[in-house]
Amino acid sequence: MVIQICVGSSCHIKGSAEIVELLQQAVADHGLESEVTLAGSFCIGKCNRVGVTVQVDEEVHAGVTPAGFQEFFEQQVLARLR
């Protein structure tokens, strides 16, 4: 699985660095280092007024926030890997 986190200017302002950290920690906590590749990406093209855009394989998710991160990770990463 490849997860790309937008680090373009809009998402950077909305906290992409924190989402990167949350993803790194969650991947490590679940022992998924061999199954998940994290990568930064400049504008994915789905900017949202709130949150960061994250692409999981071919599926784009706009509006990922620290508050909604756990739900995002469970539904879009863990559920796909089970």
N, C-alpha and C. Protein backbone atom coordinates (compact mmCIF):
# COMPACT_ATOMS: atom_id res chain seq x y z
N MET A 1 0.85 -1.17 0.00
CA MET A 1 0.00 0.00 0.00
C MET A 1 0.90 1.23 0.00
N VAL A 2 0.54 2.19 -0.84
CA VAL A 2 1.27 3.46 -0.89
C VAL A 2 0.33 4.57 -0.42
N ILE A 3 0.78 5.30 0.59
CA ILE A 3 0.00 6.43 1.10
C ILE A 3 0.79 7.70 0.81
N GLN A 4 0.19 8.59 0.04
CA GLN A 4 0.82 9.86 -0.29
C GLN A 4 0.12 10.98 0.48
N ILE A 5 0.89 11.80 1.15
CA ILE A 5 0.35 12.91 1.92
C ILE A 5 0.71 14.19 1.19
N CYS A 6 -0.28 15.01 0.90
CA CYS A 6 -0.01 16.27 0.23
C CYS A 6 0.77 17.18 1.18
N VAL A 7 1.89 17.70 0.68
CA VAL A 7 2.68 18.66 1.44
C VAL A 7 2.78 19.98 0.69
N GLY A 8 1.87 20.18 -0.26
CA GLY A 8 1.80 21.44 -0.98
C GLY A 8 1.41 22.56 -0.04
N SER A 9 1.48 23.78 -0.52
CA SER A 9 1.29 24.95 0.36
C SER A 9 -0.05 24.95 1.09
N SER A 10 -1.13 24.61 0.42
CA SER A 10 -2.44 24.63 1.06
C SER A 10 -2.52 23.60 2.18
N CYS A 11 -2.10 22.38 1.90
CA CYS A 11 -2.15 21.33 2.93
C CYS A 11 -1.11 21.56 4.01
N HIS A 12 0.03 22.13 3.65
CA HIS A 12 1.05 22.45 4.65
C HIS A 12 0.48 23.39 5.70
N ILE A 13 -0.24 24.40 5.25
CA ILE A 13 -0.86 25.37 6.16
C ILE A 13 -1.91 24.68 7.04
N LYS A 14 -2.57 23.66 6.50
CA LYS A 14 -3.63 22.97 7.24
C LYS A 14 -3.12 21.82 8.09
N GLY A 15 -1.80 21.65 8.17
CA GLY A 15 -1.26 20.68 9.11
C GLY A 15 -0.74 19.37 8.54
N SER A 16 -0.26 19.38 7.32
CA SER A 16 0.22 18.12 6.74
C SER A 16 1.37 17.51 7.54
N ALA A 17 2.21 18.34 8.16
CA ALA A 17 3.32 17.79 8.95
C ALA A 17 2.79 16.93 10.11
N GLU A 18 1.71 17.38 10.74
CA GLU A 18 1.12 16.60 11.83
C GLU A 18 0.51 15.30 11.33
N ILE A 19 -0.12 15.34 10.16
CA ILE A 19 -0.70 14.12 9.59
C ILE A 19 0.41 13.14 9.23
N VAL A 20 1.52 13.63 8.71
CA VAL A 20 2.67 12.77 8.42
C VAL A 20 3.14 12.08 9.70
N GLU A 21 3.28 12.84 10.77
CA GLU A 21 3.71 12.27 12.05
C GLU A 21 2.72 11.23 12.57
N LEU A 22 1.43 11.54 12.47
CA LEU A 22 0.41 10.59 12.92
C LEU A 22 0.47 9.30 12.11
N LEU A 23 0.65 9.42 10.80
CA LEU A 23 0.75 8.23 9.96
C LEU A 23 2.00 7.42 10.29
N GLN A 24 3.13 8.09 10.46
CA GLN A 24 4.35 7.38 10.80
C GLN A 24 4.18 6.60 12.10
N GLN A 25 3.59 7.24 13.09
CA GLN A 25 3.39 6.59 14.38
C GLN A 25 2.41 5.43 14.28
N ALA A 26 1.30 5.63 13.57
CA ALA A 26 0.29 4.58 13.44
C ALA A 26 0.85 3.36 12.69
N VAL A 27 1.60 3.61 11.63
CA VAL A 27 2.21 2.51 10.87
C VAL A 27 3.16 1.73 11.78
N ALA A 28 3.98 2.43 12.54
CA ALA A 28 4.91 1.78 13.46
C ALA A 28 4.17 1.03 14.57
N ASP A 29 3.16 1.66 15.15
CA ASP A 29 2.40 1.04 16.23
C ASP A 29 1.75 -0.28 15.81
N HIS A 30 1.35 -0.36 14.54
CA HIS A 30 0.67 -1.56 14.04
C HIS A 30 1.63 -2.50 13.32
N GLY A 31 2.92 -2.17 13.31
CA GLY A 31 3.90 -3.05 12.67
C GLY A 31 3.71 -3.20 11.18
N LEU A 32 3.32 -2.12 10.52
CA LEU A 32 2.99 -2.18 9.09
C LEU A 32 4.10 -1.66 8.19
N GLU A 33 5.30 -1.50 8.71
CA GLU A 33 6.39 -0.91 7.94
C GLU A 33 6.67 -1.66 6.63
N SER A 34 6.48 -2.97 6.62
CA SER A 34 6.75 -3.74 5.41
C SER A 34 5.56 -3.75 4.44
N GLU A 35 4.41 -3.26 4.89
CA GLU A 35 3.21 -3.27 4.06
C GLU A 35 2.79 -1.90 3.55
N VAL A 36 3.27 -0.84 4.21
CA VAL A 36 2.85 0.52 3.89
C VAL A 36 4.06 1.38 3.56
N THR A 37 3.98 2.08 2.44
CA THR A 37 5.00 3.05 2.07
C THR A 37 4.37 4.44 2.18
N LEU A 38 5.01 5.30 2.97
CA LEU A 38 4.55 6.68 3.11
C LEU A 38 5.38 7.56 2.20
N ALA A 39 4.71 8.50 1.53
CA ALA A 39 5.41 9.41 0.62
C ALA A 39 4.75 10.78 0.66
N GLY A 40 5.55 11.80 0.50
CA GLY A 40 5.02 13.15 0.36
C GLY A 40 4.69 13.40 -1.10
N SER A 41 3.75 14.27 -1.33
CA SER A 41 3.35 14.62 -2.69
C SER A 41 2.97 16.08 -2.73
N PHE A 42 3.39 16.75 -3.78
CA PHE A 42 2.90 18.11 -3.96
C PHE A 42 1.52 18.01 -4.55
N CYS A 43 0.77 19.03 -4.51
CA CYS A 43 -0.68 19.08 -4.77
C CYS A 43 -1.24 17.85 -5.50
N ILE A 44 -2.15 17.19 -4.82
CA ILE A 44 -2.85 16.03 -5.37
C ILE A 44 -4.06 16.49 -6.18
N GLY A 45 -4.44 17.75 -6.02
CA GLY A 45 -5.50 18.32 -6.84
C GLY A 45 -6.89 18.26 -6.25
N LYS A 46 -7.01 17.90 -5.00
CA LYS A 46 -8.33 17.82 -4.36
C LYS A 46 -8.33 18.65 -3.08
N CYS A 47 -7.89 19.88 -3.17
CA CYS A 47 -7.81 20.75 -2.00
C CYS A 47 -9.18 20.89 -1.35
N ASN A 48 -9.16 21.02 -0.05
CA ASN A 48 -10.38 21.13 0.74
C ASN A 48 -10.20 22.30 1.68
N ARG A 49 -11.26 22.87 2.14
CA ARG A 49 -11.16 24.00 3.06
C ARG A 49 -10.64 23.59 4.43
N VAL A 50 -10.84 22.34 4.78
CA VAL A 50 -10.42 21.83 6.09
C VAL A 50 -9.59 20.58 5.87
N GLY A 51 -8.49 20.46 6.56
CA GLY A 51 -7.72 19.23 6.54
C GLY A 51 -6.79 19.06 5.36
N VAL A 52 -6.17 17.91 5.35
CA VAL A 52 -5.11 17.57 4.42
C VAL A 52 -5.61 16.50 3.44
N THR A 53 -5.10 16.55 2.21
CA THR A 53 -5.46 15.54 1.22
C THR A 53 -4.46 14.39 1.30
N VAL A 54 -4.99 13.17 1.37
CA VAL A 54 -4.17 11.97 1.47
C VAL A 54 -4.66 10.99 0.42
N GLN A 55 -3.73 10.40 -0.32
CA GLN A 55 -4.09 9.40 -1.32
C GLN A 55 -3.62 8.04 -0.84
N VAL A 56 -4.55 7.09 -0.79
CA VAL A 56 -4.24 5.71 -0.40
C VAL A 56 -4.37 4.87 -1.66
N ASP A 57 -3.24 4.39 -2.14
CA ASP A 57 -3.16 3.74 -3.45
C ASP A 57 -3.77 4.69 -4.48
N GLU A 58 -4.89 4.37 -5.08
CA GLU A 58 -5.48 5.24 -6.11
C GLU A 58 -6.63 6.10 -5.60
N GLU A 59 -7.01 5.92 -4.34
CA GLU A 59 -8.17 6.63 -3.79
C GLU A 59 -7.75 7.88 -3.03
N VAL A 60 -8.34 9.02 -3.40
CA VAL A 60 -8.00 10.30 -2.80
C VAL A 60 -9.01 10.65 -1.70
N HIS A 61 -8.48 11.08 -0.55
CA HIS A 61 -9.30 11.47 0.59
C HIS A 61 -8.94 12.90 0.96
N ALA A 62 -9.89 13.80 0.83
CA ALA A 62 -9.66 15.20 1.18
C ALA A 62 -10.19 15.47 2.58
N GLY A 63 -9.54 16.37 3.29
CA GLY A 63 -10.04 16.80 4.59
C GLY A 63 -9.64 15.94 5.77
N VAL A 64 -8.49 15.27 5.69
CA VAL A 64 -8.02 14.47 6.83
C VAL A 64 -7.47 15.42 7.89
N THR A 65 -8.00 15.30 9.10
CA THR A 65 -7.60 16.17 10.21
C THR A 65 -7.09 15.31 11.37
N PRO A 66 -6.34 15.91 12.29
CA PRO A 66 -5.92 15.15 13.47
C PRO A 66 -7.11 14.57 14.24
N ALA A 67 -8.19 15.33 14.33
CA ALA A 67 -9.37 14.86 15.06
C ALA A 67 -10.01 13.64 14.40
N GLY A 68 -9.96 13.56 13.08
CA GLY A 68 -10.56 12.44 12.36
C GLY A 68 -9.55 11.40 11.92
N PHE A 69 -8.30 11.56 12.35
CA PHE A 69 -7.24 10.68 11.87
C PHE A 69 -7.49 9.21 12.21
N GLN A 70 -7.83 8.92 13.45
CA GLN A 70 -7.98 7.52 13.88
C GLN A 70 -9.02 6.81 13.03
N GLU A 71 -10.15 7.46 12.80
CA GLU A 71 -11.21 6.85 11.97
C GLU A 71 -10.70 6.64 10.55
N PHE A 72 -10.02 7.65 10.00
CA PHE A 72 -9.45 7.53 8.65
C PHE A 72 -8.50 6.33 8.58
N PHE A 73 -7.58 6.23 9.55
CA PHE A 73 -6.59 5.17 9.53
C PHE A 73 -7.25 3.79 9.64
N GLU A 74 -8.21 3.66 10.53
CA GLU A 74 -8.89 2.38 10.69
C GLU A 74 -9.64 1.97 9.43
N GLN A 75 -10.36 2.92 8.82
CA GLN A 75 -11.20 2.59 7.66
C GLN A 75 -10.42 2.48 6.36
N GLN A 76 -9.44 3.37 6.17
CA GLN A 76 -8.76 3.42 4.87
C GLN A 76 -7.44 2.67 4.81
N VAL A 77 -6.88 2.35 5.97
CA VAL A 77 -5.61 1.61 5.97
C VAL A 77 -5.80 0.23 6.59
N LEU A 78 -6.15 0.18 7.85
CA LEU A 78 -6.27 -1.13 8.52
C LEU A 78 -7.30 -2.03 7.85
N ALA A 79 -8.46 -1.50 7.52
CA ALA A 79 -9.51 -2.32 6.92
C ALA A 79 -9.07 -2.90 5.58
N ARG A 80 -8.28 -2.16 4.83
CA ARG A 80 -7.81 -2.65 3.52
C ARG A 80 -6.73 -3.71 3.65
N LEU A 81 -6.00 -3.68 4.75
CA LEU A 81 -4.90 -4.62 4.93
C LEU A 81 -5.33 -5.91 5.62
N ARG A 82 -6.52 -5.95 6.12
CA ARG A 82 -7.00 -7.16 6.82
C ARG A 82 -7.44 -8.21 5.86
